Amino acid sequence: MAETKITKKSSIGEVIKNYPEAEPVLKKYFGSGCFTCPGSKMEDIAFGAMMHNMDPEVIIKELNDAIAKKKG
């Protein structure tokens, strides 16, 4: 089975819905606004990172690490 990974093109809304364990990482970088923002359903991680002046690769790595820990 292929491991599902979050990428720069993953929508923030899908990450929130599919990976509740990723919530602390999203809050750390984007704040809690993503959880109530209607745009998060369409905006991807790369866009969120750009809006918050963050490196998307750092965020993606932490999100995937959080998912891996949950599975482990």
PDB file of N, CA and C in Angstrom:
ATOM      1  N   MET A   1       0.843  -1.191   0.000  1.00  0.00           N
ATOM      2  CA  MET A   1       0.000   0.000   0.000  1.00  0.00           C
ATOM      3  C   MET A   1       0.884   1.249   0.000  1.00  0.00           C
ATOM      4  N   ALA A   2       0.584   2.161  -0.907  1.00  0.00           N
ATOM      5  CA  ALA A   2       1.370   3.395  -0.992  1.00  0.00           C
ATOM      6  C   ALA A   2       1.036   4.307   0.187  1.00  0.00           C
ATOM      7  N   GLU A   3       2.052   4.904   0.736  1.00  0.00           N
ATOM      8  CA  GLU A   3       1.856   5.806   1.877  1.00  0.00           C
ATOM      9  C   GLU A   3       1.325   7.146   1.380  1.00  0.00           C
ATOM     10  N   THR A   4       0.257   7.603   1.992  1.00  0.00           N
ATOM     11  CA  THR A   4      -0.299   8.902   1.640  1.00  0.00           C
ATOM     12  C   THR A   4       0.592   9.974   2.236  1.00  0.00           C
ATOM     13  N   LYS A   5       1.006  10.894   1.387  1.00  0.00           N
ATOM     14  CA  LYS A   5       1.864  11.969   1.867  1.00  0.00           C
ATOM     15  C   LYS A   5       1.245  13.310   1.522  1.00  0.00           C
ATOM     16  N   ILE A   6       1.459  14.244   2.388  1.00  0.00           N
ATOM     17  CA  ILE A   6       1.018  15.613   2.147  1.00  0.00           C
ATOM     18  C   ILE A   6       2.069  16.292   1.278  1.00  0.00           C
ATOM     19  N   THR A   7       1.607  17.034   0.280  1.00  0.00           N
ATOM     20  CA  THR A   7       2.507  17.769  -0.611  1.00  0.00           C
ATOM     21  C   THR A   7       2.135  19.247  -0.600  1.00  0.00           C
ATOM     22  N   LYS A   8       2.909  20.047  -1.339  1.00  0.00           N
ATOM     23  CA  LYS A   8       2.626  21.485  -1.432  1.00  0.00           C
ATOM     24  C   LYS A   8       1.249  21.739  -2.026  1.00  0.00           C
ATOM     25  N   LYS A   9       0.757  20.801  -2.817  1.00  0.00           N
ATOM     26  CA  LYS A   9      -0.529  20.971  -3.497  1.00  0.00           C
ATOM     27  C   LYS A   9      -1.700  20.406  -2.700  1.00  0.00           C
ATOM     28  N   SER A  10      -1.440  19.795  -1.553  1.00  0.00           N
ATOM     29  CA  SER A  10      -2.531  19.294  -0.706  1.00  0.00           C
ATOM     30  C   SER A  10      -3.318  20.489  -0.176  1.00  0.00           C
ATOM     31  N   SER A  11      -4.645  20.391  -0.223  1.00  0.00           N
ATOM     32  CA  SER A  11      -5.430  21.516   0.299  1.00  0.00           C
ATOM     33  C   SER A  11      -5.401  21.488   1.823  1.00  0.00           C
ATOM     34  N   ILE A  12      -5.370  22.657   2.408  1.00  0.00           N
ATOM     35  CA  ILE A  12      -5.340  22.775   3.874  1.00  0.00           C
ATOM     36  C   ILE A  12      -6.578  22.113   4.463  1.00  0.00           C
ATOM     37  N   GLY A  13      -7.722  22.322   3.821  1.00  0.00           N
ATOM     38  CA  GLY A  13      -8.967  21.722   4.294  1.00  0.00           C
ATOM     39  C   GLY A  13      -8.928  20.207   4.308  1.00  0.00           C
ATOM     40  N   GLU A  14      -8.338  19.603   3.272  1.00  0.00           N
ATOM     41  CA  GLU A  14      -8.227  18.135   3.216  1.00  0.00           C
ATOM     42  C   GLU A  14      -7.304  17.620   4.308  1.00  0.00           C
ATOM     43  N   VAL A  15      -6.225  18.323   4.542  1.00  0.00           N
ATOM     44  CA  VAL A  15      -5.294  17.918   5.602  1.00  0.00           C
ATOM     45  C   VAL A  15      -6.010  17.947   6.953  1.00  0.00           C
ATOM     46  N   ILE A  16      -6.758  19.024   7.209  1.00  0.00           N
ATOM     47  CA  ILE A  16      -7.500  19.144   8.467  1.00  0.00           C
ATOM     48  C   ILE A  16      -8.500  17.993   8.608  1.00  0.00           C
ATOM     49  N   LYS A  17      -9.203  17.687   7.521  1.00  0.00           N
ATOM     50  CA  LYS A  17     -10.240  16.663   7.555  1.00  0.00           C
ATOM     51  C   LYS A  17      -9.653  15.254   7.680  1.00  0.00           C
ATOM     52  N   ASN A  18      -8.616  14.970   6.911  1.00  0.00           N
ATOM     53  CA  ASN A  18      -8.090  13.605   6.824  1.00  0.00           C
ATOM     54  C   ASN A  18      -7.028  13.265   7.858  1.00  0.00           C
ATOM     55  N   TYR A  19      -6.379  14.270   8.410  1.00  0.00           N
ATOM     56  CA  TYR A  19      -5.276  14.030   9.332  1.00  0.00           C
ATOM     57  C   TYR A  19      -5.417  14.893  10.580  1.00  0.00           C
ATOM     58  N   PRO A  20      -6.316  14.521  11.487  1.00  0.00           N
ATOM     59  CA  PRO A  20      -6.486  15.343  12.697  1.00  0.00           C
ATOM     60  C   PRO A  20      -5.195  15.490  13.498  1.00  0.00           C
ATOM     61  N   GLU A  21      -4.300  14.514  13.377  1.00  0.00           N
ATOM     62  CA  GLU A  21      -3.017  14.581  14.095  1.00  0.00           C
ATOM     63  C   GLU A  21      -2.118  15.698  13.564  1.00  0.00           C
ATOM     64  N   ALA A  22      -2.450  16.250  12.393  1.00  0.00           N
ATOM     65  CA  ALA A  22      -1.656  17.332  11.805  1.00  0.00           C
ATOM     66  C   ALA A  22      -2.078  18.708  12.334  1.00  0.00           C
ATOM     67  N   GLU A  23      -3.163  18.756  13.079  1.00  0.00           N
ATOM     68  CA  GLU A  23      -3.699  20.034  13.561  1.00  0.00           C
ATOM     69  C   GLU A  23      -2.677  20.885  14.316  1.00  0.00           C
ATOM     70  N   PRO A  24      -1.906  20.307  15.268  1.00  0.00           N
ATOM     71  CA  PRO A  24      -0.935  21.151  15.998  1.00  0.00           C
ATOM     72  C   PRO A  24       0.112  21.790  15.084  1.00  0.00           C
ATOM     73  N   VAL A  25       0.492  21.088  14.019  1.00  0.00           N
ATOM     74  CA  VAL A  25       1.491  21.634  13.085  1.00  0.00           C
ATOM     75  C   VAL A  25       0.882  22.803  12.317  1.00  0.00           C
ATOM     76  N   LEU A  26      -0.349  22.636  11.840  1.00  0.00           N
ATOM     77  CA  LEU A  26      -1.006  23.722  11.112  1.00  0.00           C
ATOM     78  C   LEU A  26      -1.194  24.940  12.011  1.00  0.00           C
ATOM     79  N   LYS A  27      -1.580  24.719  13.253  1.00  0.00           N
ATOM     80  CA  LYS A  27      -1.759  25.839  14.184  1.00  0.00           C
ATOM     81  C   LYS A  27      -0.434  26.536  14.455  1.00  0.00           C
ATOM     82  N   LYS A  28       0.638  25.747  14.544  1.00  0.00           N
ATOM     83  CA  LYS A  28       1.966  26.307  14.828  1.00  0.00           C
ATOM     84  C   LYS A  28       2.390  27.292  13.734  1.00  0.00           C
ATOM     85  N   TYR A  29       2.149  26.927  12.483  1.00  0.00           N
ATOM     86  CA  TYR A  29       2.613  27.760  11.375  1.00  0.00           C
ATOM     87  C   TYR A  29       1.576  28.752  10.867  1.00  0.00           C
ATOM     88  N   PHE A  30       0.303  28.358  10.866  1.00  0.00           N
ATOM     89  CA  PHE A  30      -0.723  29.187  10.244  1.00  0.00           C
ATOM     90  C   PHE A  30      -1.662  29.827  11.259  1.00  0.00           C
ATOM     91  N   GLY A  31      -1.605  29.427  12.536  1.00  0.00           N
ATOM     92  CA  GLY A  31      -2.563  29.913  13.513  1.00  0.00           C
ATOM     93  C   GLY A  31      -3.865  29.129  13.411  1.00  0.00           C
ATOM     94  N   SER A  32      -4.815  29.459  14.260  1.00  0.00           N
ATOM     95  CA  SER A  32      -6.054  28.688  14.268  1.00  0.00           C
ATOM     96  C   SER A  32      -7.058  29.181  13.225  1.00  0.00           C
ATOM     97  N   GLY A  33      -6.746  30.249  12.530  1.00  0.00           N
ATOM     98  CA  GLY A  33      -7.662  30.795  11.532  1.00  0.00           C
ATOM     99  C   GLY A  33      -8.002  29.838  10.411  1.00  0.00           C
ATOM    100  N   CYS A  34      -7.081  28.956  10.047  1.00  0.00           N
ATOM    101  CA  CYS A  34      -7.318  28.007   8.954  1.00  0.00           C
ATOM    102  C   CYS A  34      -8.513  27.101   9.237  1.00  0.00           C
ATOM    103  N   PHE A  35      -8.780  26.859  10.502  1.00  0.00           N
ATOM    104  CA  PHE A  35      -9.823  25.906  10.852  1.00  0.00           C
ATOM    105  C   PHE A  35     -11.216  26.489  10.659  1.00  0.00           C
ATOM    106  N   THR A  36     -11.317  27.815  10.550  1.00  0.00           N
ATOM    107  CA  THR A  36     -12.617  28.453  10.343  1.00  0.00           C
ATOM    108  C   THR A  36     -12.672  29.213   9.018  1.00  0.00           C
ATOM    109  N   CYS A  37     -11.550  29.325   8.335  1.00  0.00           N
ATOM    110  CA  CYS A  37     -11.494  30.089   7.088  1.00  0.00           C
ATOM    111  C   CYS A  37     -12.096  29.283   5.937  1.00  0.00           C
ATOM    112  N   PRO A  38     -13.095  29.844   5.241  1.00  0.00           N
ATOM    113  CA  PRO A  38     -13.679  29.116   4.111  1.00  0.00           C
ATOM    114  C   PRO A  38     -12.663  28.859   2.996  1.00  0.00           C
ATOM    115  N   GLY A  39     -11.674  29.737   2.851  1.00  0.00           N
ATOM    116  CA  GLY A  39     -10.669  29.569   1.804  1.00  0.00           C
ATOM    117  C   GLY A  39      -9.780  28.355   1.993  1.00  0.00           C
ATOM    118  N   SER A  40      -9.676  27.859   3.229  1.00  0.00           N
ATOM    119  CA  SER A  40      -8.771  26.735   3.484  1.00  0.00           C
ATOM    120  C   SER A  40      -9.196  25.481   2.743  1.00  0.00           C
ATOM    121  N   LYS A  41     -10.449  25.412   2.328  1.00  0.00           N
ATOM    122  CA  LYS A  41     -10.912  24.241   1.587  1.00  0.00           C
ATOM    123  C   LYS A  41     -10.315  24.202   0.178  1.00  0.00           C
ATOM    124  N   MET A  42      -9.940  25.367  -0.341  1.00  0.00           N
ATOM    125  CA  MET A  42      -9.383  25.426  -1.688  1.00  0.00           C
ATOM    126  C   MET A  42      -7.893  25.731  -1.699  1.00  0.00           C
ATOM    127  N   GLU A  43      -7.415  26.440  -0.692  1.00  0.00           N
ATOM    128  CA  GLU A  43      -6.012  26.844  -0.680  1.00  0.00           C
ATOM    129  C   GLU A  43      -5.115  25.669  -0.311  1.00  0.00           C
ATOM    130  N   ASP A  44      -3.968  25.594  -0.973  1.00  0.00           N
ATOM    131  CA  ASP A  44      -3.052  24.493  -0.677  1.00  0.00           C
ATOM    132  C   ASP A  44      -1.978  24.934   0.318  1.00  0.00           C
ATOM    133  N   ILE A  45      -1.193  23.964   0.746  1.00  0.00           N
ATOM    134  CA  ILE A  45      -0.153  24.218   1.747  1.00  0.00           C
ATOM    135  C   ILE A  45       0.834  25.273   1.242  1.00  0.00           C
ATOM    136  N   ALA A  46       1.202  25.200  -0.038  1.00  0.00           N
ATOM    137  CA  ALA A  46       2.157  26.163  -0.595  1.00  0.00           C
ATOM    138  C   ALA A  46       1.608  27.583  -0.503  1.00  0.00           C
ATOM    139  N   PHE A  47       0.310  27.765  -0.792  1.00  0.00           N
ATOM    140  CA  PHE A  47      -0.294  29.097  -0.719  1.00  0.00           C
ATOM    141  C   PHE A  47      -0.321  29.588   0.725  1.00  0.00           C
ATOM    142  N   GLY A  48      -0.714  28.711   1.639  1.00  0.00           N
ATOM    143  CA  GLY A  48      -0.735  29.076   3.055  1.00  0.00           C
ATOM    144  C   GLY A  48       0.647  29.479   3.541  1.00  0.00           C
ATOM    145  N   ALA A  49       1.654  28.724   3.127  1.00  0.00           N
ATOM    146  CA  ALA A  49       3.028  29.026   3.520  1.00  0.00           C
ATOM    147  C   ALA A  49       3.457  30.391   2.981  1.00  0.00           C
ATOM    148  N   MET A  50       3.095  30.657   1.734  1.00  0.00           N
ATOM    149  CA  MET A  50       3.444  31.939   1.125  1.00  0.00           C
ATOM    150  C   MET A  50       2.756  33.087   1.880  1.00  0.00           C
ATOM    151  N   MET A  51       1.492  32.907   2.222  1.00  0.00           N
ATOM    152  CA  MET A  51       0.735  33.957   2.913  1.00  0.00           C
ATOM    153  C   MET A  51       1.294  34.231   4.309  1.00  0.00           C
ATOM    154  N   HIS A  52       1.900  33.216   4.912  1.00  0.00           N
ATOM    155  CA  HIS A  52       2.445  33.370   6.260  1.00  0.00           C
ATOM    156  C   HIS A  52       3.966  33.528   6.249  1.00  0.00           C
ATOM    157  N   ASN A  53       4.534  33.704   5.036  1.00  0.00           N
ATOM    158  CA  ASN A  53       5.966  33.917   4.868  1.00  0.00           C
ATOM    159  C   ASN A  53       6.787  32.786   5.478  1.00  0.00           C
ATOM    160  N   MET A  54       6.373  31.557   5.182  1.00  0.00           N
ATOM    161  CA  MET A  54       7.037  30.365   5.707  1.00  0.00           C
ATOM    162  C   MET A  54       7.560  29.516   4.557  1.00  0.00           C
ATOM    163  N   ASP A  55       8.478  28.610   4.878  1.00  0.00           N
ATOM    164  CA  ASP A  55       9.002  27.662   3.899  1.00  0.00           C
ATOM    165  C   ASP A  55       8.052  26.462   3.837  1.00  0.00           C
ATOM    166  N   PRO A  56       7.395  26.227   2.692  1.00  0.00           N
ATOM    167  CA  PRO A  56       6.446  25.115   2.627  1.00  0.00           C
ATOM    168  C   PRO A  56       7.091  23.757   2.893  1.00  0.00           C
ATOM    169  N   GLU A  57       8.361  23.595   2.504  1.00  0.00           N
ATOM    170  CA  GLU A  57       9.027  22.300   2.714  1.00  0.00           C
ATOM    171  C   GLU A  57       9.134  21.958   4.197  1.00  0.00           C
ATOM    172  N   VAL A  58       9.394  22.951   5.029  1.00  0.00           N
ATOM    173  CA  VAL A  58       9.495  22.729   6.478  1.00  0.00           C
ATOM    174  C   VAL A  58       8.139  22.282   7.028  1.00  0.00           C
ATOM    175  N   ILE A  59       7.086  22.966   6.604  1.00  0.00           N
ATOM    176  CA  ILE A  59       5.740  22.641   7.077  1.00  0.00           C
ATOM    177  C   ILE A  59       5.339  21.241   6.616  1.00  0.00           C
ATOM    178  N   ILE A  60       5.581  20.928   5.347  1.00  0.00           N
ATOM    179  CA  ILE A  60       5.217  19.615   4.795  1.00  0.00           C
ATOM    180  C   ILE A  60       5.951  18.499   5.531  1.00  0.00           C
ATOM    181  N   LYS A  61       7.235  18.710   5.815  1.00  0.00           N
ATOM    182  CA  LYS A  61       7.996  17.688   6.539  1.00  0.00           C
ATOM    183  C   LYS A  61       7.380  17.444   7.919  1.00  0.00           C
ATOM    184  N   GLU A  62       7.059  18.516   8.630  1.00  0.00           N
ATOM    185  CA  GLU A  62       6.475  18.349   9.968  1.00  0.00           C
ATOM    186  C   GLU A  62       5.095  17.699   9.901  1.00  0.00           C
ATOM    187  N   LEU A  63       4.299  18.048   8.892  1.00  0.00           N
ATOM    188  CA  LEU A  63       2.978  17.429   8.737  1.00  0.00           C
ATOM    189  C   LEU A  63       3.124  15.929   8.493  1.00  0.00           C
ATOM    190  N   ASN A  64       4.027  15.558   7.583  1.00  0.00           N
ATOM    191  CA  ASN A  64       4.225  14.141   7.274  1.00  0.00           C
ATOM    192  C   ASN A  64       4.819  13.392   8.469  1.00  0.00           C
ATOM    193  N   ASP A  65       5.687  14.053   9.231  1.00  0.00           N
ATOM    194  CA  ASP A  65       6.231  13.429  10.444  1.00  0.00           C
ATOM    195  C   ASP A  65       5.115  13.159  11.467  1.00  0.00           C
ATOM    196  N   ALA A  66       4.184  14.110  11.606  1.00  0.00           N
ATOM    197  CA  ALA A  66       3.075  13.946  12.534  1.00  0.00           C
ATOM    198  C   ALA A  66       2.199  12.757  12.136  1.00  0.00           C
ATOM    199  N   ILE A  67       1.972  12.604  10.837  1.00  0.00           N
ATOM    200  CA  ILE A  67       1.163  11.483  10.339  1.00  0.00           C
ATOM    201  C   ILE A  67       1.894  10.169  10.567  1.00  0.00           C
ATOM    202  N   ALA A  68       3.200  10.157  10.301  1.00  0.00           N
ATOM    203  CA  ALA A  68       3.997   8.941  10.471  1.00  0.00           C
ATOM    204  C   ALA A  68       4.009   8.496  11.933  1.00  0.00           C
ATOM    205  N   LYS A  69       4.103   9.454  12.854  1.00  0.00           N
ATOM    206  CA  LYS A  69       4.101   9.117  14.288  1.00  0.00           C
ATOM    207  C   LYS A  69       2.765   8.498  14.682  1.00  0.00           C
ATOM    208  N   LYS A  70       1.678   9.033  14.126  1.00  0.00           N
ATOM    209  CA  LYS A  70       0.347   8.536  14.437  1.00  0.00           C
ATOM    210  C   LYS A  70       0.207   7.077  13.965  1.00  0.00           C
ATOM    211  N   LYS A  71       0.734   6.787  12.748  1.00  0.00           N
ATOM    212  CA  LYS A  71       0.652   5.430  12.195  1.00  0.00           C
ATOM    213  C   LYS A  71       1.554   4.473  12.956  1.00  0.00           C
ATOM    214  N   GLY A  72       2.721   4.990  13.406  1.00  0.00           N
ATOM    215  CA  GLY A  72       3.725   4.158  14.054  1.00  0.00           C
ATOM    216  C   GLY A  72       3.231   3.679  15.362  1.00  0.00           C
TER     217      GLY A  72
END
